[in-house]
Amino acid sequence: MEAILPRDTKSKRLRIPPDKSFLEDITSWRAELAKDIYKRNPDLNVKLLNDVVQKLLDRIVFIRIAEDRKIRPDRELWEIVAQWKEEGKRKPIMTHLKDLFKDRFGRNQNIGIQEQIKLCVPRLVDKLYAAYDSEGNHYLDNVDVGGITLNTEYRHLDYKYLLAFLNSELLRWYFPFVSLSFRGGWLSANRQFLSQLPIRPIDFNSPSEKAIHDKLVTLVDRMLELYKKKDSLPPSAEREKVEREIAVTDEKIDDIVYWLYGITEEERGMIEGVIP
């Protein structure tokens, strides 16, 4: 293959894995975009500048995904760039992009829908699980990864309460019964299947029920802190200690979830005996 490839400079990119090439492009675009934005907005601090750059890149990638999946007309971004170059790059390219953002996200695709607290669930899973987007920083295509937000009638629940259930052993066992299975053991986690999960409601007029809700939220908070700490540590005795605490906290969450559904110890043993 090396002998067949042309020897010019551009051909070197043909030898770079696509993921690495894309990462290099994103890094380059990020630097150029940051310089351009800071030049016109010198009062921005580092954190705000990083946030602005990241959100702009997220929106551009989001549009490209929509184009690729035929959700949006093809080559919209390409035409904007072509027009900008044809005009001699006299104006910042954002003057063109902001119109695209306003047009494409002004209806149901509104980017504001993405920029909110939500739970994220992959479209296909080998077992049910969810992640917590605490700041609305993740932009989802709702094809490969879907977002879960709470309707008005459920706004009194904390997202972390729901997260405890979606990552529990009980619902992980239950989910295959209501989902669609694919070859290789994959399960569809579309809205139509997630909506069939029997999430235990909470009576907030009952002090004991509210206490259970708050206890689960506290445990999930601790779990999120532990995972963050674990990811910051190299392989070490301290990391192993954190992993043990994660396992203990996870079991405490499962204890409460099983209790809320009235699952006996015998039934729990049967459930956990068949979970892969």
C-alpha atoms as a PDB file:
ATOM      1  CA  MET A   1       0.000   0.000   0.000  1.00  0.00           C
ATOM      2  CA  GLU A   2       2.795   2.453   0.874  1.00  0.00           C
ATOM      3  CA  ALA A   3       4.302   1.991  -2.585  1.00  0.00           C
ATOM      4  CA  ILE A   4       0.991   2.779  -4.276  1.00  0.00           C
ATOM      5  CA  LEU A   5       0.264   5.970  -2.330  1.00  0.00           C
ATOM      6  CA  PRO A   6       1.322   9.270  -3.961  1.00  0.00           C
ATOM      7  CA  ARG A   7       4.332  11.006  -2.442  1.00  0.00           C
ATOM      8  CA  ASP A   8       2.972  14.541  -2.099  1.00  0.00           C
ATOM      9  CA  THR A   9       2.352  16.291   1.223  1.00  0.00           C
ATOM     10  CA  LYS A  10      -1.402  15.765   1.231  1.00  0.00           C
ATOM     11  CA  SER A  11      -0.969  12.021   0.897  1.00  0.00           C
ATOM     12  CA  LYS A  12       0.458  11.892   4.408  1.00  0.00           C
ATOM     13  CA  ARG A  13      -3.063  12.453   5.749  1.00  0.00           C
ATOM     14  CA  LEU A  14      -4.164   9.255   4.000  1.00  0.00           C
ATOM     15  CA  ARG A  15      -1.957   7.353   6.420  1.00  0.00           C
ATOM     16  CA  ILE A  16      -3.464   9.017   9.519  1.00  0.00           C
ATOM     17  CA  PRO A  17      -6.353   7.119  11.182  1.00  0.00           C
ATOM     18  CA  PRO A  18      -9.637   9.045  10.680  1.00  0.00           C
ATOM     19  CA  ASP A  19     -10.190   9.612  14.422  1.00  0.00           C
ATOM     20  CA  LYS A  20      -6.702  11.063  14.848  1.00  0.00           C
ATOM     21  CA  SER A  21      -7.064  13.207  11.734  1.00  0.00           C
ATOM     22  CA  PHE A  22     -10.404  14.578  12.952  1.00  0.00           C
ATOM     23  CA  LEU A  23      -8.936  15.332  16.383  1.00  0.00           C
ATOM     24  CA  GLU A  24      -6.036  17.201  14.776  1.00  0.00           C
ATOM     25  CA  ASP A  25      -8.489  19.234  12.683  1.00  0.00           C
ATOM     26  CA  ILE A  26     -10.661  20.066  15.701  1.00  0.00           C
ATOM     27  CA  THR A  27      -7.592  21.175  17.688  1.00  0.00           C
ATOM     28  CA  SER A  28      -6.490  23.419  14.834  1.00  0.00           C
ATOM     29  CA  TRP A  29      -9.980  24.889  14.368  1.00  0.00           C
ATOM     30  CA  ARG A  30     -10.292  25.487  18.098  1.00  0.00           C
ATOM     31  CA  ALA A  31      -7.069  27.528  18.172  1.00  0.00           C
ATOM     32  CA  GLU A  32      -8.014  29.581  15.091  1.00  0.00           C
ATOM     33  CA  LEU A  33     -11.531  30.199  16.363  1.00  0.00           C
ATOM     34  CA  ALA A  34     -10.283  31.231  19.809  1.00  0.00           C
ATOM     35  CA  LYS A  35      -7.841  33.749  18.299  1.00  0.00           C
ATOM     36  CA  ASP A  36     -10.525  35.235  16.072  1.00  0.00           C
ATOM     37  CA  ILE A  37     -13.099  35.537  18.882  1.00  0.00           C
ATOM     38  CA  TYR A  38     -10.583  36.979  21.352  1.00  0.00           C
ATOM     39  CA  LYS A  39      -9.418  39.532  18.767  1.00  0.00           C
ATOM     40  CA  ARG A  40     -12.963  40.918  18.601  1.00  0.00           C
ATOM     41  CA  ASN A  41     -13.811  40.325  22.286  1.00  0.00           C
ATOM     42  CA  PRO A  42     -10.659  41.036  24.336  1.00  0.00           C
ATOM     43  CA  ASP A  43     -12.650  41.274  27.578  1.00  0.00           C
ATOM     44  CA  LEU A  44     -13.422  37.537  27.595  1.00  0.00           C
ATOM     45  CA  ASN A  45     -11.680  35.516  30.295  1.00  0.00           C
ATOM     46  CA  VAL A  46     -10.171  32.103  29.563  1.00  0.00           C
ATOM     47  CA  LYS A  47     -13.097  30.049  30.863  1.00  0.00           C
ATOM     48  CA  LEU A  48     -15.724  32.016  28.960  1.00  0.00           C
ATOM     49  CA  LEU A  49     -13.606  31.980  25.798  1.00  0.00           C
ATOM     50  CA  ASN A  50     -13.248  28.193  26.040  1.00  0.00           C
ATOM     51  CA  ASP A  51     -17.001  27.807  26.584  1.00  0.00           C
ATOM     52  CA  VAL A  52     -17.840  29.963  23.558  1.00  0.00           C
ATOM     53  CA  VAL A  53     -15.379  28.130  21.307  1.00  0.00           C
ATOM     54  CA  GLN A  54     -16.605  24.708  22.441  1.00  0.00           C
ATOM     55  CA  LYS A  55     -20.265  25.572  21.894  1.00  0.00           C
ATOM     56  CA  LEU A  56     -19.572  26.911  18.417  1.00  0.00           C
ATOM     57  CA  LEU A  57     -17.639  23.772  17.470  1.00  0.00           C
ATOM     58  CA  ASP A  58     -20.383  21.586  18.939  1.00  0.00           C
ATOM     59  CA  ARG A  59     -22.989  23.384  16.847  1.00  0.00           C
ATOM     60  CA  ILE A  60     -20.960  23.036  13.661  1.00  0.00           C
ATOM     61  CA  VAL A  61     -20.363  19.314  14.240  1.00  0.00           C
ATOM     62  CA  PHE A  62     -24.064  18.931  15.101  1.00  0.00           C
ATOM     63  CA  ILE A  63     -25.060  20.504  11.773  1.00  0.00           C
ATOM     64  CA  ARG A  64     -22.618  18.282   9.868  1.00  0.00           C
ATOM     65  CA  ILE A  65     -24.137  15.190  11.515  1.00  0.00           C
ATOM     66  CA  ALA A  66     -27.600  16.423  10.526  1.00  0.00           C
ATOM     67  CA  GLU A  67     -26.396  16.944   6.937  1.00  0.00           C
ATOM     68  CA  ASP A  68     -24.778  13.525   6.813  1.00  0.00           C
ATOM     69  CA  ARG A  69     -27.955  11.847   8.056  1.00  0.00           C
ATOM     70  CA  LYS A  70     -30.112  13.802   5.559  1.00  0.00           C
ATOM     71  CA  ILE A  71     -31.910  15.591   8.400  1.00  0.00           C
ATOM     72  CA  ARG A  72     -30.745  18.913   6.954  1.00  0.00           C
ATOM     73  CA  PRO A  73     -30.045  19.854   3.307  1.00  0.00           C
ATOM     74  CA  ASP A  74     -26.613  18.703   2.181  1.00  0.00           C
ATOM     75  CA  ARG A  75     -23.612  21.059   1.914  1.00  0.00           C
ATOM     76  CA  GLU A  76     -25.121  23.981   3.862  1.00  0.00           C
ATOM     77  CA  LEU A  77     -21.880  24.601   5.726  1.00  0.00           C
ATOM     78  CA  TRP A  78     -19.803  24.118   2.578  1.00  0.00           C
ATOM     79  CA  GLU A  79     -21.874  26.753   0.735  1.00  0.00           C
ATOM     80  CA  ILE A  80     -21.467  29.232   3.596  1.00  0.00           C
ATOM     81  CA  VAL A  81     -17.701  28.809   3.584  1.00  0.00           C
ATOM     82  CA  ALA A  82     -17.619  29.106  -0.211  1.00  0.00           C
ATOM     83  CA  GLN A  83     -19.641  32.348  -0.077  1.00  0.00           C
ATOM     84  CA  TRP A  84     -17.382  33.737   2.658  1.00  0.00           C
ATOM     85  CA  LYS A  85     -14.279  33.023   0.565  1.00  0.00           C
ATOM     86  CA  GLU A  86     -15.889  34.471  -2.563  1.00  0.00           C
ATOM     87  CA  GLU A  87     -16.519  37.724  -0.666  1.00  0.00           C
ATOM     88  CA  GLY A  88     -12.827  37.873   0.145  1.00  0.00           C
ATOM     89  CA  LYS A  89     -13.242  36.960   3.826  1.00  0.00           C
ATOM     90  CA  ARG A  90     -13.973  40.622   4.544  1.00  0.00           C
ATOM     91  CA  LYS A  91     -16.456  39.853   7.305  1.00  0.00           C
ATOM     92  CA  PRO A  92     -16.050  37.349  10.150  1.00  0.00           C
ATOM     93  CA  ILE A  93     -17.450  33.987   9.090  1.00  0.00           C
ATOM     94  CA  MET A  94     -19.677  34.116  12.171  1.00  0.00           C
ATOM     95  CA  THR A  95     -21.820  36.728  10.411  1.00  0.00           C
ATOM     96  CA  HIS A  96     -22.851  33.905   8.060  1.00  0.00           C
ATOM     97  CA  LEU A  97     -22.937  31.115  10.624  1.00  0.00           C
ATOM     98  CA  LYS A  98     -25.184  32.957  13.072  1.00  0.00           C
ATOM     99  CA  ASP A  99     -27.898  33.117  10.403  1.00  0.00           C
ATOM    100  CA  LEU A 100     -27.568  29.369   9.908  1.00  0.00           C
ATOM    101  CA  PHE A 101     -27.791  28.743  13.663  1.00  0.00           C
ATOM    102  CA  LYS A 102     -30.829  30.989  13.950  1.00  0.00           C
ATOM    103  CA  ASP A 103     -32.553  29.362  10.969  1.00  0.00           C
ATOM    104  CA  ARG A 104     -31.788  25.730  11.738  1.00  0.00           C
ATOM    105  CA  PHE A 105     -32.310  25.798  15.471  1.00  0.00           C
ATOM    106  CA  GLY A 106     -35.182  28.250  15.653  1.00  0.00           C
ATOM    107  CA  ARG A 107     -37.817  25.529  15.524  1.00  0.00           C
ATOM    108  CA  ASN A 108     -37.901  22.054  17.084  1.00  0.00           C
ATOM    109  CA  GLN A 109     -34.159  21.673  16.485  1.00  0.00           C
ATOM    110  CA  ASN A 110     -33.522  24.688  18.757  1.00  0.00           C
ATOM    111  CA  ILE A 111     -30.036  24.373  20.160  1.00  0.00           C
ATOM    112  CA  GLY A 112     -31.437  25.523  23.499  1.00  0.00           C
ATOM    113  CA  ILE A 113     -33.062  22.125  23.823  1.00  0.00           C
ATOM    114  CA  GLN A 114     -29.583  20.667  23.894  1.00  0.00           C
ATOM    115  CA  GLU A 115     -28.213  23.222  26.346  1.00  0.00           C
ATOM    116  CA  GLN A 116     -30.013  21.983  29.426  1.00  0.00           C
ATOM    117  CA  ILE A 117     -29.576  19.415  32.163  1.00  0.00           C
ATOM    118  CA  LYS A 118     -30.382  15.964  30.828  1.00  0.00           C
ATOM    119  CA  LEU A 119     -29.570  12.285  30.938  1.00  0.00           C
ATOM    120  CA  CYS A 120     -27.810  10.697  27.973  1.00  0.00           C
ATOM    121  CA  VAL A 121     -28.532   7.139  26.822  1.00  0.00           C
ATOM    122  CA  PRO A 122     -26.837   5.427  23.839  1.00  0.00           C
ATOM    123  CA  ARG A 123     -29.143   4.284  21.048  1.00  0.00           C
ATOM    124  CA  LEU A 124     -27.808   0.721  21.274  1.00  0.00           C
ATOM    125  CA  VAL A 125     -26.637  -0.801  24.553  1.00  0.00           C
ATOM    126  CA  ASP A 126     -25.440  -4.175  25.720  1.00  0.00           C
ATOM    127  CA  LYS A 127     -27.032  -3.308  29.069  1.00  0.00           C
ATOM    128  CA  LEU A 128     -29.054  -0.321  30.236  1.00  0.00           C
ATOM    129  CA  TYR A 129     -27.079   2.661  31.490  1.00  0.00           C
ATOM    130  CA  ALA A 130     -27.196   6.446  31.399  1.00  0.00           C
ATOM    131  CA  ALA A 131     -24.850   9.407  31.891  1.00  0.00           C
ATOM    132  CA  TYR A 132     -25.586  12.745  33.550  1.00  0.00           C
ATOM    133  CA  ASP A 133     -25.079  16.022  31.660  1.00  0.00           C
ATOM    134  CA  SER A 134     -25.148  18.388  34.626  1.00  0.00           C
ATOM    135  CA  GLU A 135     -24.467  21.595  32.664  1.00  0.00           C
ATOM    136  CA  GLY A 136     -26.053  20.972  29.267  1.00  0.00           C
ATOM    137  CA  ASN A 137     -22.673  20.816  27.542  1.00  0.00           C
ATOM    138  CA  HIS A 138     -23.350  17.714  25.451  1.00  0.00           C
ATOM    139  CA  TYR A 139     -24.998  18.036  22.041  1.00  0.00           C
ATOM    140  CA  LEU A 140     -26.760  14.839  21.003  1.00  0.00           C
ATOM    141  CA  ASP A 141     -27.847  13.736  17.551  1.00  0.00           C
ATOM    142  CA  ASN A 142     -30.709  11.698  19.079  1.00  0.00           C
ATOM    143  CA  VAL A 143     -29.752   8.937  16.655  1.00  0.00           C
ATOM    144  CA  ASP A 144     -26.654   7.366  18.183  1.00  0.00           C
ATOM    145  CA  VAL A 145     -27.242   8.947  21.596  1.00  0.00           C
ATOM    146  CA  GLY A 146     -30.558  10.211  22.936  1.00  0.00           C
ATOM    147  CA  GLY A 147     -31.339  12.739  25.654  1.00  0.00           C
ATOM    148  CA  ILE A 148     -33.854  12.386  28.482  1.00  0.00           C
ATOM    149  CA  THR A 149     -35.461  15.446  30.030  1.00  0.00           C
ATOM    150  CA  LEU A 150     -38.270  15.603  32.590  1.00  0.00           C
ATOM    151  CA  ASN A 151     -41.783  16.635  31.592  1.00  0.00           C
ATOM    152  CA  THR A 152     -43.551  19.292  33.631  1.00  0.00           C
ATOM    153  CA  GLU A 153     -45.411  16.725  35.729  1.00  0.00           C
ATOM    154  CA  TYR A 154     -42.113  15.119  36.784  1.00  0.00           C
ATOM    155  CA  ARG A 155     -40.063  18.298  37.330  1.00  0.00           C
ATOM    156  CA  HIS A 156     -40.220  17.781  41.090  1.00  0.00           C
ATOM    157  CA  LEU A 157     -37.941  14.739  40.683  1.00  0.00           C
ATOM    158  CA  ASP A 158     -34.199  15.226  40.667  1.00  0.00           C
ATOM    159  CA  TYR A 159     -32.444  13.961  37.525  1.00  0.00           C
ATOM    160  CA  LYS A 160     -30.053  12.051  39.769  1.00  0.00           C
ATOM    161  CA  TYR A 161     -33.006  10.157  41.233  1.00  0.00           C
ATOM    162  CA  LEU A 162     -33.875   8.953  37.730  1.00  0.00           C
ATOM    163  CA  LEU A 163     -30.195   8.255  37.021  1.00  0.00           C
ATOM    164  CA  ALA A 164     -30.104   5.913  40.023  1.00  0.00           C
ATOM    165  CA  PHE A 165     -32.851   3.800  38.460  1.00  0.00           C
ATOM    166  CA  LEU A 166     -31.457   3.732  34.933  1.00  0.00           C
ATOM    167  CA  ASN A 167     -28.109   2.477  36.247  1.00  0.00           C
ATOM    168  CA  SER A 168     -29.594   0.066  38.774  1.00  0.00           C
ATOM    169  CA  GLU A 169     -29.218  -3.711  38.593  1.00  0.00           C
ATOM    170  CA  LEU A 170     -33.005  -4.115  38.789  1.00  0.00           C
ATOM    171  CA  LEU A 171     -33.890  -2.064  35.696  1.00  0.00           C
ATOM    172  CA  ARG A 172     -30.834  -3.432  33.914  1.00  0.00           C
ATOM    173  CA  TRP A 173     -32.378  -6.871  34.383  1.00  0.00           C
ATOM    174  CA  TYR A 174     -35.876  -5.669  33.443  1.00  0.00           C
ATOM    175  CA  PHE A 175     -34.977  -3.693  30.308  1.00  0.00           C
ATOM    176  CA  PRO A 176     -34.518  -6.640  27.874  1.00  0.00           C
ATOM    177  CA  PHE A 177     -38.139  -7.624  28.508  1.00  0.00           C
ATOM    178  CA  VAL A 178     -39.428  -4.343  27.030  1.00  0.00           C
ATOM    179  CA  SER A 179     -36.672  -3.556  24.498  1.00  0.00           C
ATOM    180  CA  LEU A 180     -35.945  -4.826  20.999  1.00  0.00           C
ATOM    181  CA  SER A 181     -32.900  -7.084  20.767  1.00  0.00           C
ATOM    182  CA  PHE A 182     -30.385  -7.233  17.920  1.00  0.00           C
ATOM    183  CA  ARG A 183     -27.706  -9.678  16.855  1.00  0.00           C
ATOM    184  CA  GLY A 184     -24.787  -9.776  19.254  1.00  0.00           C
ATOM    185  CA  GLY A 185     -26.910  -9.096  22.324  1.00  0.00           C
ATOM    186  CA  TRP A 186     -27.460  -5.388  21.625  1.00  0.00           C
ATOM    187  CA  LEU A 187     -30.630  -3.719  22.864  1.00  0.00           C
ATOM    188  CA  SER A 188     -32.481  -0.716  21.451  1.00  0.00           C
ATOM    189  CA  ALA A 189     -32.730   2.146  23.965  1.00  0.00           C
ATOM    190  CA  ASN A 190     -35.096   4.347  21.974  1.00  0.00           C
ATOM    191  CA  ARG A 191     -37.691   6.509  23.667  1.00  0.00           C
ATOM    192  CA  GLN A 192     -40.440   3.976  22.948  1.00  0.00           C
ATOM    193  CA  PHE A 193     -38.625   1.372  25.061  1.00  0.00           C
ATOM    194  CA  LEU A 194     -37.287   3.667  27.783  1.00  0.00           C
ATOM    195  CA  SER A 195     -40.811   5.005  28.336  1.00  0.00           C
ATOM    196  CA  GLN A 196     -41.913   1.511  29.354  1.00  0.00           C
ATOM    197  CA  LEU A 197     -39.580   1.430  32.355  1.00  0.00           C
ATOM    198  CA  PRO A 198     -41.624   1.492  35.594  1.00  0.00           C
ATOM    199  CA  ILE A 199     -39.892   4.371  37.381  1.00  0.00           C
ATOM    200  CA  ARG A 200     -41.049   4.440  40.995  1.00  0.00           C
ATOM    201  CA  PRO A 201     -42.921   7.712  41.717  1.00  0.00           C
ATOM    202  CA  ILE A 202     -42.331   9.639  44.921  1.00  0.00           C
ATOM    203  CA  ASP A 203     -45.026  11.165  47.130  1.00  0.00           C
ATOM    204  CA  PHE A 204     -43.341  14.395  48.228  1.00  0.00           C
ATOM    205  CA  ASN A 205     -46.139  14.997  50.736  1.00  0.00           C
ATOM    206  CA  SER A 206     -44.798  12.014  52.640  1.00  0.00           C
ATOM    207  CA  PRO A 207     -41.675  12.883  54.689  1.00  0.00           C
ATOM    208  CA  SER A 208     -40.465   9.272  54.547  1.00  0.00           C
ATOM    209  CA  GLU A 209     -40.785   9.087  50.737  1.00  0.00           C
ATOM    210  CA  LYS A 210     -39.083  12.449  50.279  1.00  0.00           C
ATOM    211  CA  ALA A 211     -36.264  11.209  52.515  1.00  0.00           C
ATOM    212  CA  ILE A 212     -35.803   8.192  50.232  1.00  0.00           C
ATOM    213  CA  HIS A 213     -35.655  10.439  47.171  1.00  0.00           C
ATOM    214  CA  ASP A 214     -33.085  12.707  48.830  1.00  0.00           C
ATOM    215  CA  LYS A 215     -31.014   9.735  50.006  1.00  0.00           C
ATOM    216  CA  LEU A 216     -30.768   8.365  46.475  1.00  0.00           C
ATOM    217  CA  VAL A 217     -29.784  11.780  45.137  1.00  0.00           C
ATOM    218  CA  THR A 218     -27.064  12.077  47.794  1.00  0.00           C
ATOM    219  CA  LEU A 219     -25.676   8.633  46.912  1.00  0.00           C
ATOM    220  CA  VAL A 220     -25.642   9.450  43.192  1.00  0.00           C
ATOM    221  CA  ASP A 221     -23.858  12.730  43.956  1.00  0.00           C
ATOM    222  CA  ARG A 222     -21.244  10.757  45.839  1.00  0.00           C
ATOM    223  CA  MET A 223     -20.942   8.258  42.988  1.00  0.00           C
ATOM    224  CA  LEU A 224     -20.324  11.057  40.467  1.00  0.00           C
ATOM    225  CA  GLU A 225     -17.641  12.547  42.724  1.00  0.00           C
ATOM    226  CA  LEU A 226     -15.963   9.162  43.124  1.00  0.00           C
ATOM    227  CA  TYR A 227     -15.834   8.489  39.385  1.00  0.00           C
ATOM    228  CA  LYS A 228     -14.365  11.930  38.799  1.00  0.00           C
ATOM    229  CA  LYS A 229     -11.732  11.246  41.454  1.00  0.00           C
ATOM    230  CA  LYS A 230     -10.984   7.805  40.026  1.00  0.00           C
ATOM    231  CA  ASP A 231     -10.432   9.240  36.535  1.00  0.00           C
ATOM    232  CA  SER A 232      -7.920  11.726  37.929  1.00  0.00           C
ATOM    233  CA  LEU A 233      -5.770   9.035  39.559  1.00  0.00           C
ATOM    234  CA  PRO A 234      -3.133   6.795  37.965  1.00  0.00           C
ATOM    235  CA  PRO A 235      -3.133   3.051  38.789  1.00  0.00           C
ATOM    236  CA  SER A 236      -2.351   3.029  42.497  1.00  0.00           C
ATOM    237  CA  ALA A 237      -3.488   1.900  45.926  1.00  0.00           C
ATOM    238  CA  GLU A 238      -5.475   5.122  46.257  1.00  0.00           C
ATOM    239  CA  ARG A 239      -7.306   4.435  42.993  1.00  0.00           C
ATOM    240  CA  GLU A 240      -8.141   0.906  44.165  1.00  0.00           C
ATOM    241  CA  LYS A 241      -9.536   2.375  47.376  1.00  0.00           C
ATOM    242  CA  VAL A 242     -11.793   4.694  45.361  1.00  0.00           C
ATOM    243  CA  GLU A 243     -12.959   1.756  43.213  1.00  0.00           C
ATOM    244  CA  ARG A 244     -13.928  -0.165  46.359  1.00  0.00           C
ATOM    245  CA  GLU A 245     -15.915   2.822  47.604  1.00  0.00           C
ATOM    246  CA  ILE A 246     -17.641   3.024  44.209  1.00  0.00           C
ATOM    247  CA  ALA A 247     -18.706  -0.615  44.539  1.00  0.00           C
ATOM    248  CA  VAL A 248     -20.031  -0.016  48.067  1.00  0.00           C
ATOM    249  CA  THR A 249     -21.955   3.108  47.013  1.00  0.00           C
ATOM    250  CA  ASP A 250     -23.376   1.304  43.992  1.00  0.00           C
ATOM    251  CA  GLU A 251     -24.650  -1.495  46.227  1.00  0.00           C
ATOM    252  CA  LYS A 252     -26.286   1.030  48.574  1.00  0.00           C
ATOM    253  CA  ILE A 253     -28.152   2.523  45.608  1.00  0.00           C
ATOM    254  CA  ASP A 254     -29.287  -0.934  44.514  1.00  0.00           C
ATOM    255  CA  ASP A 255     -30.436  -1.723  48.058  1.00  0.00           C
ATOM    256  CA  ILE A 256     -32.793   1.267  48.010  1.00  0.00           C
ATOM    257  CA  VAL A 257     -34.067   0.567  44.482  1.00  0.00           C
ATOM    258  CA  TYR A 258     -34.835  -3.072  45.328  1.00  0.00           C
ATOM    259  CA  TRP A 259     -36.587  -1.960  48.527  1.00  0.00           C
ATOM    260  CA  LEU A 260     -38.715   0.600  46.658  1.00  0.00           C
ATOM    261  CA  TYR A 261     -40.054  -2.156  44.388  1.00  0.00           C
ATOM    262  CA  GLY A 262     -40.580  -4.613  47.231  1.00  0.00           C
ATOM    263  CA  ILE A 263     -38.030  -7.111  45.897  1.00  0.00           C
ATOM    264  CA  THR A 264     -37.160  -9.847  48.406  1.00  0.00           C
ATOM    265  CA  GLU A 265     -33.628 -11.122  49.043  1.00  0.00           C
ATOM    266  CA  GLU A 266     -34.509 -14.366  47.252  1.00  0.00           C
ATOM    267  CA  GLU A 267     -35.806 -12.470  44.209  1.00  0.00           C
ATOM    268  CA  ARG A 268     -32.745 -10.234  44.252  1.00  0.00           C
ATOM    269  CA  GLY A 269     -30.500 -13.275  44.149  1.00  0.00           C
ATOM    270  CA  MET A 270     -32.387 -14.631  41.145  1.00  0.00           C
ATOM    271  CA  ILE A 271     -32.197 -11.271  39.340  1.00  0.00           C
ATOM    272  CA  GLU A 272     -28.499 -10.741  39.909  1.00  0.00           C
ATOM    273  CA  GLY A 273     -27.818 -14.343  38.984  1.00  0.00           C
ATOM    274  CA  VAL A 274     -28.911 -13.742  35.384  1.00  0.00           C
ATOM    275  CA  ILE A 275     -27.470 -10.235  34.817  1.00  0.00           C
ATOM    276  CA  PRO A 276     -24.367 -10.480  32.582  1.00  0.00           C
END
